[in-house]
Amino acid sequence: GDPRTERHKKLDELVAKWRLYQAPR
């Protein structure tokens, strides 16, 4: 229920997209 928990979950998805072409991000 904490908004930051939802942000944490979303970060996993975003990092997976960024990991190769946007490594610093």
mmCIF file of all heavy atoms, coordinates in Angstrom:
data_MODEL
# 
_entry.id   MODEL 
# 
loop_
_atom_site.group_PDB 
_atom_site.id 
_atom_site.type_symbol 
_atom_site.label_atom_id 
_atom_site.label_alt_id 
_atom_site.label_comp_id 
_atom_site.label_asym_id 
_atom_site.label_entity_id 
_atom_site.label_seq_id 
_atom_site.pdbx_PDB_ins_code 
_atom_site.Cartn_x 
_atom_site.Cartn_y 
_atom_site.Cartn_z 
_atom_site.occupancy 
_atom_site.B_iso_or_equiv 
_atom_site.pdbx_formal_charge 
_atom_site.auth_seq_id 
_atom_site.auth_comp_id 
_atom_site.auth_asym_id 
_atom_site.auth_atom_id 
_atom_site.pdbx_PDB_model_num 
ATOM 1   N N   . GLY A 1 1  ? 0.778  -1.224 0.000   1.00 0.00 ? 1  GLY A N   1 
ATOM 2   C CA  . GLY A 1 1  ? 0.000  0.000  0.000   1.00 0.00 ? 1  GLY A CA  1 
ATOM 3   C C   . GLY A 1 1  ? 0.812  1.277  0.000   1.00 0.00 ? 1  GLY A C   1 
ATOM 4   O O   . GLY A 1 1  ? 0.269  2.361  -0.261  1.00 0.00 ? 1  GLY A O   1 
ATOM 5   N N   . ASP A 1 2  ? 2.102  1.179  0.274   1.00 0.00 ? 2  ASP A N   1 
ATOM 6   C CA  . ASP A 1 2  ? 2.942  2.374  0.255   1.00 0.00 ? 2  ASP A CA  1 
ATOM 7   C C   . ASP A 1 2  ? 3.280  2.720  -1.198  1.00 0.00 ? 2  ASP A C   1 
ATOM 8   O O   . ASP A 1 2  ? 3.684  1.850  -1.966  1.00 0.00 ? 2  ASP A O   1 
ATOM 9   C CB  . ASP A 1 2  ? 4.226  2.107  1.043   1.00 0.00 ? 2  ASP A CB  1 
ATOM 10  C CG  . ASP A 1 2  ? 5.025  3.378  1.311   1.00 0.00 ? 2  ASP A CG  1 
ATOM 11  O OD1 . ASP A 1 2  ? 5.371  4.076  0.333   1.00 0.00 ? 2  ASP A OD1 1 
ATOM 12  O OD2 . ASP A 1 2  ? 5.318  3.660  2.489   1.00 0.00 ? 2  ASP A OD2 1 
ATOM 13  N N   . PRO A 1 3  ? 3.120  3.987  -1.590  1.00 0.00 ? 3  PRO A N   1 
ATOM 14  C CA  . PRO A 1 3  ? 3.432  4.374  -2.981  1.00 0.00 ? 3  PRO A CA  1 
ATOM 15  C C   . PRO A 1 3  ? 4.864  4.031  -3.387  1.00 0.00 ? 3  PRO A C   1 
ATOM 16  O O   . PRO A 1 3  ? 5.131  3.714  -4.542  1.00 0.00 ? 3  PRO A O   1 
ATOM 17  C CB  . PRO A 1 3  ? 3.200  5.888  -2.988  1.00 0.00 ? 3  PRO A CB  1 
ATOM 18  C CG  . PRO A 1 3  ? 2.247  6.132  -1.869  1.00 0.00 ? 3  PRO A CG  1 
ATOM 19  C CD  . PRO A 1 3  ? 2.588  5.118  -0.818  1.00 0.00 ? 3  PRO A CD  1 
ATOM 20  N N   . ARG A 1 4  ? 5.774  4.065  -2.428  1.00 0.00 ? 4  ARG A N   1 
ATOM 21  C CA  . ARG A 1 4  ? 7.162  3.751  -2.740  1.00 0.00 ? 4  ARG A CA  1 
ATOM 22  C C   . ARG A 1 4  ? 7.346  2.263  -3.016  1.00 0.00 ? 4  ARG A C   1 
ATOM 23  O O   . ARG A 1 4  ? 8.255  1.879  -3.753  1.00 0.00 ? 4  ARG A O   1 
ATOM 24  C CB  . ARG A 1 4  ? 8.072  4.216  -1.602  1.00 0.00 ? 4  ARG A CB  1 
ATOM 25  C CG  . ARG A 1 4  ? 8.222  5.734  -1.532  1.00 0.00 ? 4  ARG A CG  1 
ATOM 26  C CD  . ARG A 1 4  ? 8.899  6.170  -0.256  1.00 0.00 ? 4  ARG A CD  1 
ATOM 27  N NE  . ARG A 1 4  ? 8.049  5.904  0.906   1.00 0.00 ? 4  ARG A NE  1 
ATOM 28  C CZ  . ARG A 1 4  ? 8.384  6.181  2.164   1.00 0.00 ? 4  ARG A CZ  1 
ATOM 29  N NH1 . ARG A 1 4  ? 9.558  6.744  2.412   1.00 0.00 ? 4  ARG A NH1 1 
ATOM 30  N NH2 . ARG A 1 4  ? 7.558  5.917  3.162   1.00 0.00 ? 4  ARG A NH2 1 
ATOM 31  N N   . THR A 1 5  ? 6.478  1.451  -2.444  1.00 0.00 ? 5  THR A N   1 
ATOM 32  C CA  . THR A 1 5  ? 6.518  0.020  -2.747  1.00 0.00 ? 5  THR A CA  1 
ATOM 33  C C   . THR A 1 5  ? 6.128  -0.220 -4.199  1.00 0.00 ? 5  THR A C   1 
ATOM 34  O O   . THR A 1 5  ? 6.736  -1.042 -4.898  1.00 0.00 ? 5  THR A O   1 
ATOM 35  C CB  . THR A 1 5  ? 5.571  -0.760 -1.817  1.00 0.00 ? 5  THR A CB  1 
ATOM 36  O OG1 . THR A 1 5  ? 5.986  -0.577 -0.466  1.00 0.00 ? 5  THR A OG1 1 
ATOM 37  C CG2 . THR A 1 5  ? 5.562  -2.240 -2.137  1.00 0.00 ? 5  THR A CG2 1 
ATOM 38  N N   . GLU A 1 6  ? 5.131  0.516  -4.658  1.00 0.00 ? 6  GLU A N   1 
ATOM 39  C CA  . GLU A 1 6  ? 4.727  0.415  -6.064  1.00 0.00 ? 6  GLU A CA  1 
ATOM 40  C C   . GLU A 1 6  ? 5.834  0.938  -6.980  1.00 0.00 ? 6  GLU A C   1 
ATOM 41  O O   . GLU A 1 6  ? 6.076  0.388  -8.054  1.00 0.00 ? 6  GLU A O   1 
ATOM 42  C CB  . GLU A 1 6  ? 3.430  1.193  -6.294  1.00 0.00 ? 6  GLU A CB  1 
ATOM 43  C CG  . GLU A 1 6  ? 2.210  0.557  -5.646  1.00 0.00 ? 6  GLU A CG  1 
ATOM 44  C CD  . GLU A 1 6  ? 1.997  -0.869 -6.115  1.00 0.00 ? 6  GLU A CD  1 
ATOM 45  O OE1 . GLU A 1 6  ? 2.032  -1.106 -7.341  1.00 0.00 ? 6  GLU A OE1 1 
ATOM 46  O OE2 . GLU A 1 6  ? 1.818  -1.751 -5.245  1.00 0.00 ? 6  GLU A OE2 1 
ATOM 47  N N   . ARG A 1 7  ? 6.495  1.997  -6.547  1.00 0.00 ? 7  ARG A N   1 
ATOM 48  C CA  . ARG A 1 7  ? 7.616  2.541  -7.319  1.00 0.00 ? 7  ARG A CA  1 
ATOM 49  C C   . ARG A 1 7  ? 8.735  1.497  -7.416  1.00 0.00 ? 7  ARG A C   1 
ATOM 50  O O   . ARG A 1 7  ? 9.341  1.308  -8.472  1.00 0.00 ? 7  ARG A O   1 
ATOM 51  C CB  . ARG A 1 7  ? 8.136  3.810  -6.658  1.00 0.00 ? 7  ARG A CB  1 
ATOM 52  C CG  . ARG A 1 7  ? 9.435  4.367  -7.245  1.00 0.00 ? 7  ARG A CG  1 
ATOM 53  C CD  . ARG A 1 7  ? 9.289  4.779  -8.692  1.00 0.00 ? 7  ARG A CD  1 
ATOM 54  N NE  . ARG A 1 7  ? 10.550 5.332  -9.205  1.00 0.00 ? 7  ARG A NE  1 
ATOM 55  C CZ  . ARG A 1 7  ? 10.763 5.622  -10.488 1.00 0.00 ? 7  ARG A CZ  1 
ATOM 56  N NH1 . ARG A 1 7  ? 9.807  5.406  -11.381 1.00 0.00 ? 7  ARG A NH1 1 
ATOM 57  N NH2 . ARG A 1 7  ? 11.919 6.126  -10.878 1.00 0.00 ? 7  ARG A NH2 1 
ATOM 58  N N   . HIS A 1 8  ? 9.016  0.810  -6.339  1.00 0.00 ? 8  HIS A N   1 
ATOM 59  C CA  . HIS A 1 8  ? 10.039 -0.232 -6.294  1.00 0.00 ? 8  HIS A CA  1 
ATOM 60  C C   . HIS A 1 8  ? 9.717  -1.348 -7.281  1.00 0.00 ? 8  HIS A C   1 
ATOM 61  O O   . HIS A 1 8  ? 10.597 -1.816 -8.021  1.00 0.00 ? 8  HIS A O   1 
ATOM 62  C CB  . HIS A 1 8  ? 10.126 -0.783 -4.866  1.00 0.00 ? 8  HIS A CB  1 
ATOM 63  C CG  . HIS A 1 8  ? 11.151 -1.852 -4.669  1.00 0.00 ? 8  HIS A CG  1 
ATOM 64  N ND1 . HIS A 1 8  ? 10.889 -3.185 -4.905  1.00 0.00 ? 8  HIS A ND1 1 
ATOM 65  C CD2 . HIS A 1 8  ? 12.457 -1.778 -4.249  1.00 0.00 ? 8  HIS A CD2 1 
ATOM 66  C CE1 . HIS A 1 8  ? 11.968 -3.897 -4.632  1.00 0.00 ? 8  HIS A CE1 1 
ATOM 67  N NE2 . HIS A 1 8  ? 12.930 -3.071 -4.229  1.00 0.00 ? 8  HIS A NE2 1 
ATOM 68  N N   . LYS A 1 9  ? 8.464  -1.735 -7.316  1.00 0.00 ? 9  LYS A N   1 
ATOM 69  C CA  . LYS A 1 9  ? 8.046  -2.783 -8.249  1.00 0.00 ? 9  LYS A CA  1 
ATOM 70  C C   . LYS A 1 9  ? 8.217  -2.331 -9.691  1.00 0.00 ? 9  LYS A C   1 
ATOM 71  O O   . LYS A 1 9  ? 8.677  -3.095 -10.552 1.00 0.00 ? 9  LYS A O   1 
ATOM 72  C CB  . LYS A 1 9  ? 6.579  -3.149 -7.986  1.00 0.00 ? 9  LYS A CB  1 
ATOM 73  C CG  . LYS A 1 9  ? 6.053  -4.288 -8.840  1.00 0.00 ? 9  LYS A CG  1 
ATOM 74  C CD  . LYS A 1 9  ? 4.630  -4.639 -8.449  1.00 0.00 ? 9  LYS A CD  1 
ATOM 75  C CE  . LYS A 1 9  ? 4.117  -5.823 -9.266  1.00 0.00 ? 9  LYS A CE  1 
ATOM 76  N NZ  . LYS A 1 9  ? 2.724  -6.178 -8.879  1.00 0.00 ? 9  LYS A NZ  1 
ATOM 77  N N   . LYS A 1 10 ? 7.867  -1.085 -9.958  1.00 0.00 ? 10 LYS A N   1 
ATOM 78  C CA  . LYS A 1 10 ? 7.993  -0.547 -11.306 1.00 0.00 ? 10 LYS A CA  1 
ATOM 79  C C   . LYS A 1 10 ? 9.452  -0.420 -11.723 1.00 0.00 ? 10 LYS A C   1 
ATOM 80  O O   . LYS A 1 10 ? 9.802  -0.612 -12.902 1.00 0.00 ? 10 LYS A O   1 
ATOM 81  C CB  . LYS A 1 10 ? 7.308  0.828  -11.371 1.00 0.00 ? 10 LYS A CB  1 
ATOM 82  C CG  . LYS A 1 10 ? 7.258  1.446  -12.764 1.00 0.00 ? 10 LYS A CG  1 
ATOM 83  C CD  . LYS A 1 10 ? 6.390  0.623  -13.710 1.00 0.00 ? 10 LYS A CD  1 
ATOM 84  C CE  . LYS A 1 10 ? 6.260  1.278  -15.066 1.00 0.00 ? 10 LYS A CE  1 
ATOM 85  N NZ  . LYS A 1 10 ? 5.455  0.468  -16.004 1.00 0.00 ? 10 LYS A NZ  1 
ATOM 86  N N   . LEU A 1 11 ? 10.321 -0.120 -10.760 1.00 0.00 ? 11 LEU A N   1 
ATOM 87  C CA  . LEU A 1 11 ? 11.732 0.043  -11.072 1.00 0.00 ? 11 LEU A CA  1 
ATOM 88  C C   . LEU A 1 11 ? 12.329 -1.228 -11.653 1.00 0.00 ? 11 LEU A C   1 
ATOM 89  O O   . LEU A 1 11 ? 13.188 -1.173 -12.534 1.00 0.00 ? 11 LEU A O   1 
ATOM 90  C CB  . LEU A 1 11 ? 12.504 0.461  -9.821  1.00 0.00 ? 11 LEU A CB  1 
ATOM 91  C CG  . LEU A 1 11 ? 12.453 1.948  -9.468  1.00 0.00 ? 11 LEU A CG  1 
ATOM 92  C CD1 . LEU A 1 11 ? 13.049 2.186  -8.093  1.00 0.00 ? 11 LEU A CD1 1 
ATOM 93  C CD2 . LEU A 1 11 ? 13.184 2.785  -10.519 1.00 0.00 ? 11 LEU A CD2 1 
ATOM 94  N N   . ASP A 1 12 ? 11.891 -2.371 -11.166 1.00 0.00 ? 12 ASP A N   1 
ATOM 95  C CA  . ASP A 1 12 ? 12.396 -3.636 -11.699 1.00 0.00 ? 12 ASP A CA  1 
ATOM 96  C C   . ASP A 1 12 ? 12.102 -3.748 -13.189 1.00 0.00 ? 12 ASP A C   1 
ATOM 97  O O   . ASP A 1 12 ? 12.958 -4.166 -13.984 1.00 0.00 ? 12 ASP A O   1 
ATOM 98  C CB  . ASP A 1 12 ? 11.758 -4.806 -10.941 1.00 0.00 ? 12 ASP A CB  1 
ATOM 99  C CG  . ASP A 1 12 ? 12.350 -6.145 -11.335 1.00 0.00 ? 12 ASP A CG  1 
ATOM 100 O OD1 . ASP A 1 12 ? 13.540 -6.197 -11.671 1.00 0.00 ? 12 ASP A OD1 1 
ATOM 101 O OD2 . ASP A 1 12 ? 11.613 -7.146 -11.309 1.00 0.00 ? 12 ASP A OD2 1 
ATOM 102 N N   . GLU A 1 13 ? 10.902 -3.349 -13.590 1.00 0.00 ? 13 GLU A N   1 
ATOM 103 C CA  . GLU A 1 13 ? 10.525 -3.383 -15.004 1.00 0.00 ? 13 GLU A CA  1 
ATOM 104 C C   . GLU A 1 13 ? 11.326 -2.365 -15.811 1.00 0.00 ? 13 GLU A C   1 
ATOM 105 O O   . GLU A 1 13 ? 11.783 -2.659 -16.919 1.00 0.00 ? 13 GLU A O   1 
ATOM 106 C CB  . GLU A 1 13 ? 9.023  -3.100 -15.155 1.00 0.00 ? 13 GLU A CB  1 
ATOM 107 C CG  . GLU A 1 13 ? 8.125  -4.076 -14.408 1.00 0.00 ? 13 GLU A CG  1 
ATOM 108 C CD  . GLU A 1 13 ? 6.669  -3.640 -14.440 1.00 0.00 ? 13 GLU A CD  1 
ATOM 109 O OE1 . GLU A 1 13 ? 6.364  -2.667 -15.174 1.00 0.00 ? 13 GLU A OE1 1 
ATOM 110 O OE2 . GLU A 1 13 ? 5.850  -4.249 -13.737 1.00 0.00 ? 13 GLU A OE2 1 
ATOM 111 N N   . LEU A 1 14 ? 11.480 -1.170 -15.258 1.00 0.00 ? 14 LEU A N   1 
ATOM 112 C CA  . LEU A 1 14 ? 12.195 -0.122 -15.979 1.00 0.00 ? 14 LEU A CA  1 
ATOM 113 C C   . LEU A 1 14 ? 13.675 -0.461 -16.151 1.00 0.00 ? 14 LEU A C   1 
ATOM 114 O O   . LEU A 1 14 ? 14.251 -0.259 -17.223 1.00 0.00 ? 14 LEU A O   1 
ATOM 115 C CB  . LEU A 1 14 ? 12.048 1.209  -15.238 1.00 0.00 ? 14 LEU A CB  1 
ATOM 116 C CG  . LEU A 1 14 ? 10.636 1.799  -15.209 1.00 0.00 ? 14 LEU A CG  1 
ATOM 117 C CD1 . LEU A 1 14 ? 10.602 3.034  -14.319 1.00 0.00 ? 14 LEU A CD1 1 
ATOM 118 C CD2 . LEU A 1 14 ? 10.169 2.150  -16.618 1.00 0.00 ? 14 LEU A CD2 1 
ATOM 119 N N   . VAL A 1 15 ? 14.283 -0.977 -15.091 1.00 0.00 ? 15 VAL A N   1 
ATOM 120 C CA  . VAL A 1 15 ? 15.697 -1.332 -15.162 1.00 0.00 ? 15 VAL A CA  1 
ATOM 121 C C   . VAL A 1 15 ? 15.929 -2.415 -16.207 1.00 0.00 ? 15 VAL A C   1 
ATOM 122 O O   . VAL A 1 15 ? 16.937 -2.411 -16.920 1.00 0.00 ? 15 VAL A O   1 
ATOM 123 C CB  . VAL A 1 15 ? 16.207 -1.778 -13.775 1.00 0.00 ? 15 VAL A CB  1 
ATOM 124 C CG1 . VAL A 1 15 ? 17.561 -2.458 -13.894 1.00 0.00 ? 15 VAL A CG1 1 
ATOM 125 C CG2 . VAL A 1 15 ? 16.308 -0.575 -12.846 1.00 0.00 ? 15 VAL A CG2 1 
ATOM 126 N N   . ALA A 1 16 ? 14.985 -3.336 -16.323 1.00 0.00 ? 16 ALA A N   1 
ATOM 127 C CA  . ALA A 1 16 ? 15.094 -4.391 -17.335 1.00 0.00 ? 16 ALA A CA  1 
ATOM 128 C C   . ALA A 1 16 ? 15.109 -3.792 -18.746 1.00 0.00 ? 16 ALA A C   1 
ATOM 129 O O   . ALA A 1 16 ? 15.826 -4.268 -19.631 1.00 0.00 ? 16 ALA A O   1 
ATOM 130 C CB  . ALA A 1 16 ? 13.947 -5.377 -17.191 1.00 0.00 ? 16 ALA A CB  1 
ATOM 131 N N   . LYS A 1 17 ? 14.346 -2.723 -18.949 1.00 0.00 ? 17 LYS A N   1 
ATOM 132 C CA  . LYS A 1 17 ? 14.304 -2.063 -20.258 1.00 0.00 ? 17 LYS A CA  1 
ATOM 133 C C   . LYS A 1 17 ? 15.552 -1.225 -20.495 1.00 0.00 ? 17 LYS A C   1 
ATOM 134 O O   . LYS A 1 17 ? 16.056 -1.126 -21.609 1.00 0.00 ? 17 LYS A O   1 
ATOM 135 C CB  . LYS A 1 17 ? 13.059 -1.177 -20.359 1.00 0.00 ? 17 LYS A CB  1 
ATOM 136 C CG  . LYS A 1 17 ? 11.741 -1.932 -20.354 1.00 0.00 ? 17 LYS A CG  1 
ATOM 137 C CD  . LYS A 1 17 ? 10.570 -0.954 -20.414 1.00 0.00 ? 17 LYS A CD  1 
ATOM 138 C CE  . LYS A 1 17 ? 9.235  -1.691 -20.377 1.00 0.00 ? 17 LYS A CE  1 
ATOM 139 N NZ  . LYS A 1 17 ? 8.087  -0.754 -20.404 1.00 0.00 ? 17 LYS A NZ  1 
ATOM 140 N N   . TRP A 1 18 ? 16.042 -0.602 -19.427 1.00 0.00 ? 18 TRP A N   1 
ATOM 141 C CA  . TRP A 1 18 ? 17.160 0.328  -19.565 1.00 0.00 ? 18 TRP A CA  1 
ATOM 142 C C   . TRP A 1 18 ? 18.525 -0.353 -19.556 1.00 0.00 ? 18 TRP A C   1 
ATOM 143 O O   . TRP A 1 18 ? 19.510 0.248  -19.964 1.00 0.00 ? 18 TRP A O   1 
ATOM 144 C CB  . TRP A 1 18 ? 17.149 1.332  -18.398 1.00 0.00 ? 18 TRP A CB  1 
ATOM 145 C CG  . TRP A 1 18 ? 15.970 2.222  -18.332 1.00 0.00 ? 18 TRP A CG  1 
ATOM 146 C CD1 . TRP A 1 18 ? 15.151 2.599  -19.363 1.00 0.00 ? 18 TRP A CD1 1 
ATOM 147 C CD2 . TRP A 1 18 ? 15.456 2.879  -17.161 1.00 0.00 ? 18 TRP A CD2 1 
ATOM 148 N NE1 . TRP A 1 18 ? 14.160 3.436  -18.910 1.00 0.00 ? 18 TRP A NE1 1 
ATOM 149 C CE2 . TRP A 1 18 ? 14.331 3.633  -17.552 1.00 0.00 ? 18 TRP A CE2 1 
ATOM 150 C CE3 . TRP A 1 18 ? 15.839 2.907  -15.819 1.00 0.00 ? 18 TRP A CE3 1 
ATOM 151 C CZ2 . TRP A 1 18 ? 13.591 4.393  -16.651 1.00 0.00 ? 18 TRP A CZ2 1 
ATOM 152 C CZ3 . TRP A 1 18 ? 15.113 3.661  -14.922 1.00 0.00 ? 18 TRP A CZ3 1 
ATOM 153 C CH2 . TRP A 1 18 ? 14.001 4.402  -15.330 1.00 0.00 ? 18 TRP A CH2 1 
ATOM 154 N N   . ARG A 1 19 ? 18.603 -1.605 -19.082 1.00 0.00 ? 19 ARG A N   1 
ATOM 155 C CA  . ARG A 1 19 ? 19.882 -2.192 -18.686 1.00 0.00 ? 19 ARG A CA  1 
ATOM 156 C C   . ARG A 1 19 ? 20.926 -2.226 -19.807 1.00 0.00 ? 19 ARG A C   1 
ATOM 157 O O   . ARG A 1 19 ? 22.125 -2.132 -19.538 1.00 0.00 ? 19 ARG A O   1 
ATOM 158 C CB  . ARG A 1 19 ? 19.660 -3.606 -18.132 1.00 0.00 ? 19 ARG A CB  1 
ATOM 159 C CG  . ARG A 1 19 ? 19.311 -4.634 -19.195 1.00 0.00 ? 19 ARG A CG  1 
ATOM 160 C CD  . ARG A 1 19 ? 18.868 -5.948 -18.582 1.00 0.00 ? 19 ARG A CD  1 
ATOM 161 N NE  . ARG A 1 19 ? 18.841 -7.013 -19.562 1.00 0.00 ? 19 ARG A NE  1 
ATOM 162 C CZ  . ARG A 1 19 ? 17.910 -7.168 -20.499 1.00 0.00 ? 19 ARG A CZ  1 
ATOM 163 N NH1 . ARG A 1 19 ? 16.906 -6.289 -20.555 1.00 0.00 ? 19 ARG A NH1 1 
ATOM 164 N NH2 . ARG A 1 19 ? 17.968 -8.152 -21.360 1.00 0.00 ? 19 ARG A NH2 1 
ATOM 165 N N   . LEU A 1 20 ? 20.496 -2.345 -21.057 1.00 0.00 ? 20 LEU A N   1 
ATOM 166 C CA  . LEU A 1 20 ? 21.447 -2.486 -22.153 1.00 0.00 ? 20 LEU A CA  1 
ATOM 167 C C   . LEU A 1 20 ? 21.743 -1.161 -22.853 1.00 0.00 ? 20 LEU A C   1 
ATOM 168 O O   . LEU A 1 20 ? 22.898 -0.808 -23.071 1.00 0.00 ? 20 LEU A O   1 
ATOM 169 C CB  . LEU A 1 20 ? 20.925 -3.507 -23.166 1.00 0.00 ? 20 LEU A CB  1 
ATOM 170 C CG  . LEU A 1 20 ? 20.750 -4.939 -22.628 1.00 0.00 ? 20 LEU A CG  1 
ATOM 171 C CD1 . LEU A 1 20 ? 20.232 -5.852 -23.720 1.00 0.00 ? 20 LEU A CD1 1 
ATOM 172 C CD2 . LEU A 1 20 ? 22.057 -5.472 -22.063 1.00 0.00 ? 20 LEU A CD2 1 
ATOM 173 N N   . TYR A 1 21 ? 20.696 -0.420 -23.189 1.00 0.00 ? 21 TYR A N   1 
ATOM 174 C CA  . TYR A 1 21 ? 20.890 0.783  -23.986 1.00 0.00 ? 21 TYR A CA  1 
ATOM 175 C C   . TYR A 1 21 ? 21.000 2.054  -23.159 1.00 0.00 ? 21 TYR A C   1 
ATOM 176 O O   . TYR A 1 21 ? 21.413 3.093  -23.672 1.00 0.00 ? 21 TYR A O   1 
ATOM 177 C CB  . TYR A 1 21 ? 19.758 0.914  -25.007 1.00 0.00 ? 21 TYR A CB  1 
ATOM 178 C CG  . TYR A 1 21 ? 19.724 -0.246 -25.972 1.00 0.00 ? 21 TYR A CG  1 
ATOM 179 C CD1 . TYR A 1 21 ? 18.791 -1.264 -25.833 1.00 0.00 ? 21 TYR A CD1 1 
ATOM 180 C CD2 . TYR A 1 21 ? 20.645 -0.323 -27.017 1.00 0.00 ? 21 TYR A CD2 1 
ATOM 181 C CE1 . TYR A 1 21 ? 18.774 -2.337 -26.718 1.00 0.00 ? 21 TYR A CE1 1 
ATOM 182 C CE2 . TYR A 1 21 ? 20.630 -1.397 -27.901 1.00 0.00 ? 21 TYR A CE2 1 
ATOM 183 C CZ  . TYR A 1 21 ? 19.694 -2.405 -27.752 1.00 0.00 ? 21 TYR A CZ  1 
ATOM 184 O OH  . TYR A 1 21 ? 19.680 -3.458 -28.611 1.00 0.00 ? 21 TYR A OH  1 
ATOM 185 N N   . GLN A 1 22 ? 20.599 1.995  -21.898 1.00 0.00 ? 22 GLN A N   1 
ATOM 186 C CA  . GLN A 1 22 ? 20.701 3.158  -21.014 1.00 0.00 ? 22 GLN A CA  1 
ATOM 187 C C   . GLN A 1 22 ? 21.297 2.711  -19.682 1.00 0.00 ? 22 GLN A C   1 
ATOM 188 O O   . GLN A 1 22 ? 20.672 2.826  -18.635 1.00 0.00 ? 22 GLN A O   1 
ATOM 189 C CB  . GLN A 1 22 ? 19.328 3.789  -20.811 1.00 0.00 ? 22 GLN A CB  1 
ATOM 190 C CG  . GLN A 1 22 ? 18.652 4.262  -22.092 1.00 0.00 ? 22 GLN A CG  1 
ATOM 191 C CD  . GLN A 1 22 ? 17.289 4.891  -21.822 1.00 0.00 ? 22 GLN A CD  1 
ATOM 192 O OE1 . GLN A 1 22 ? 17.180 5.891  -21.127 1.00 0.00 ? 22 GLN A OE1 1 
ATOM 193 N NE2 . GLN A 1 22 ? 16.251 4.299  -22.384 1.00 0.00 ? 22 GLN A NE2 1 
ATOM 194 N N   . ALA A 1 23 ? 22.516 2.182  -19.730 1.00 0.00 ? 23 ALA A N   1 
ATOM 195 C CA  . ALA A 1 23 ? 23.147 1.582  -18.564 1.00 0.00 ? 23 ALA A CA  1 
ATOM 196 C C   . ALA A 1 23 ? 23.245 2.531  -17.359 1.00 0.00 ? 23 ALA A C   1 
ATOM 197 O O   . ALA A 1 23 ? 22.930 2.124  -16.235 1.00 0.00 ? 23 ALA A O   1 
ATOM 198 C CB  . ALA A 1 23 ? 24.523 1.044  -18.933 1.00 0.00 ? 23 ALA A CB  1 
ATOM 199 N N   . PRO A 1 24 ? 23.653 3.786  -17.526 1.00 0.00 ? 24 PRO A N   1 
ATOM 200 C CA  . PRO A 1 24 ? 23.710 4.679  -16.355 1.00 0.00 ? 24 PRO A CA  1 
ATOM 201 C C   . PRO A 1 24 ? 22.336 4.878  -15.707 1.00 0.00 ? 24 PRO A C   1 
ATOM 202 O O   . PRO A 1 24 ? 22.220 4.945  -14.485 1.00 0.00 ? 24 PRO A O   1 
ATOM 203 C CB  . PRO A 1 24 ? 24.251 5.988  -16.941 1.00 0.00 ? 24 PRO A CB  1 
ATOM 204 C CG  . PRO A 1 24 ? 25.010 5.570  -18.160 1.00 0.00 ? 24 PRO A CG  1 
ATOM 205 C CD  . PRO A 1 24 ? 24.211 4.435  -18.725 1.00 0.00 ? 24 PRO A CD  1 
ATOM 206 N N   . ARG A 1 25 ? 21.308 4.986  -16.553 1.00 0.00 ? 25 ARG A N   1 
ATOM 207 C CA  . ARG A 1 25 ? 19.959 5.154  -16.030 1.00 0.00 ? 25 ARG A CA  1 
ATOM 208 C C   . ARG A 1 25 ? 19.523 3.907  -15.268 1.00 0.00 ? 25 ARG A C   1 
ATOM 209 O O   . ARG A 1 25 ? 18.878 3.987  -14.214 1.00 0.00 ? 25 ARG A O   1 
ATOM 210 C CB  . ARG A 1 25 ? 19.001 5.435  -17.185 1.00 0.00 ? 25 ARG A CB  1 
ATOM 211 C CG  . ARG A 1 25 ? 17.636 5.933  -16.772 1.00 0.00 ? 25 ARG A CG  1 
ATOM 212 C CD  . ARG A 1 25 ? 16.798 6.255  -18.004 1.00 0.00 ? 25 ARG A CD  1 
ATOM 213 N NE  . ARG A 1 25 ? 15.517 6.836  -17.650 1.00 0.00 ? 25 ARG A NE  1 
ATOM 214 C CZ  . ARG A 1 25 ? 14.556 7.094  -18.527 1.00 0.00 ? 25 ARG A CZ  1 
ATOM 215 N NH1 . ARG A 1 25 ? 14.765 6.833  -19.815 1.00 0.00 ? 25 ARG A NH1 1 
ATOM 216 N NH2 . ARG A 1 25 ? 13.416 7.627  -18.140 1.00 0.00 ? 25 ARG A NH2 1 
# 
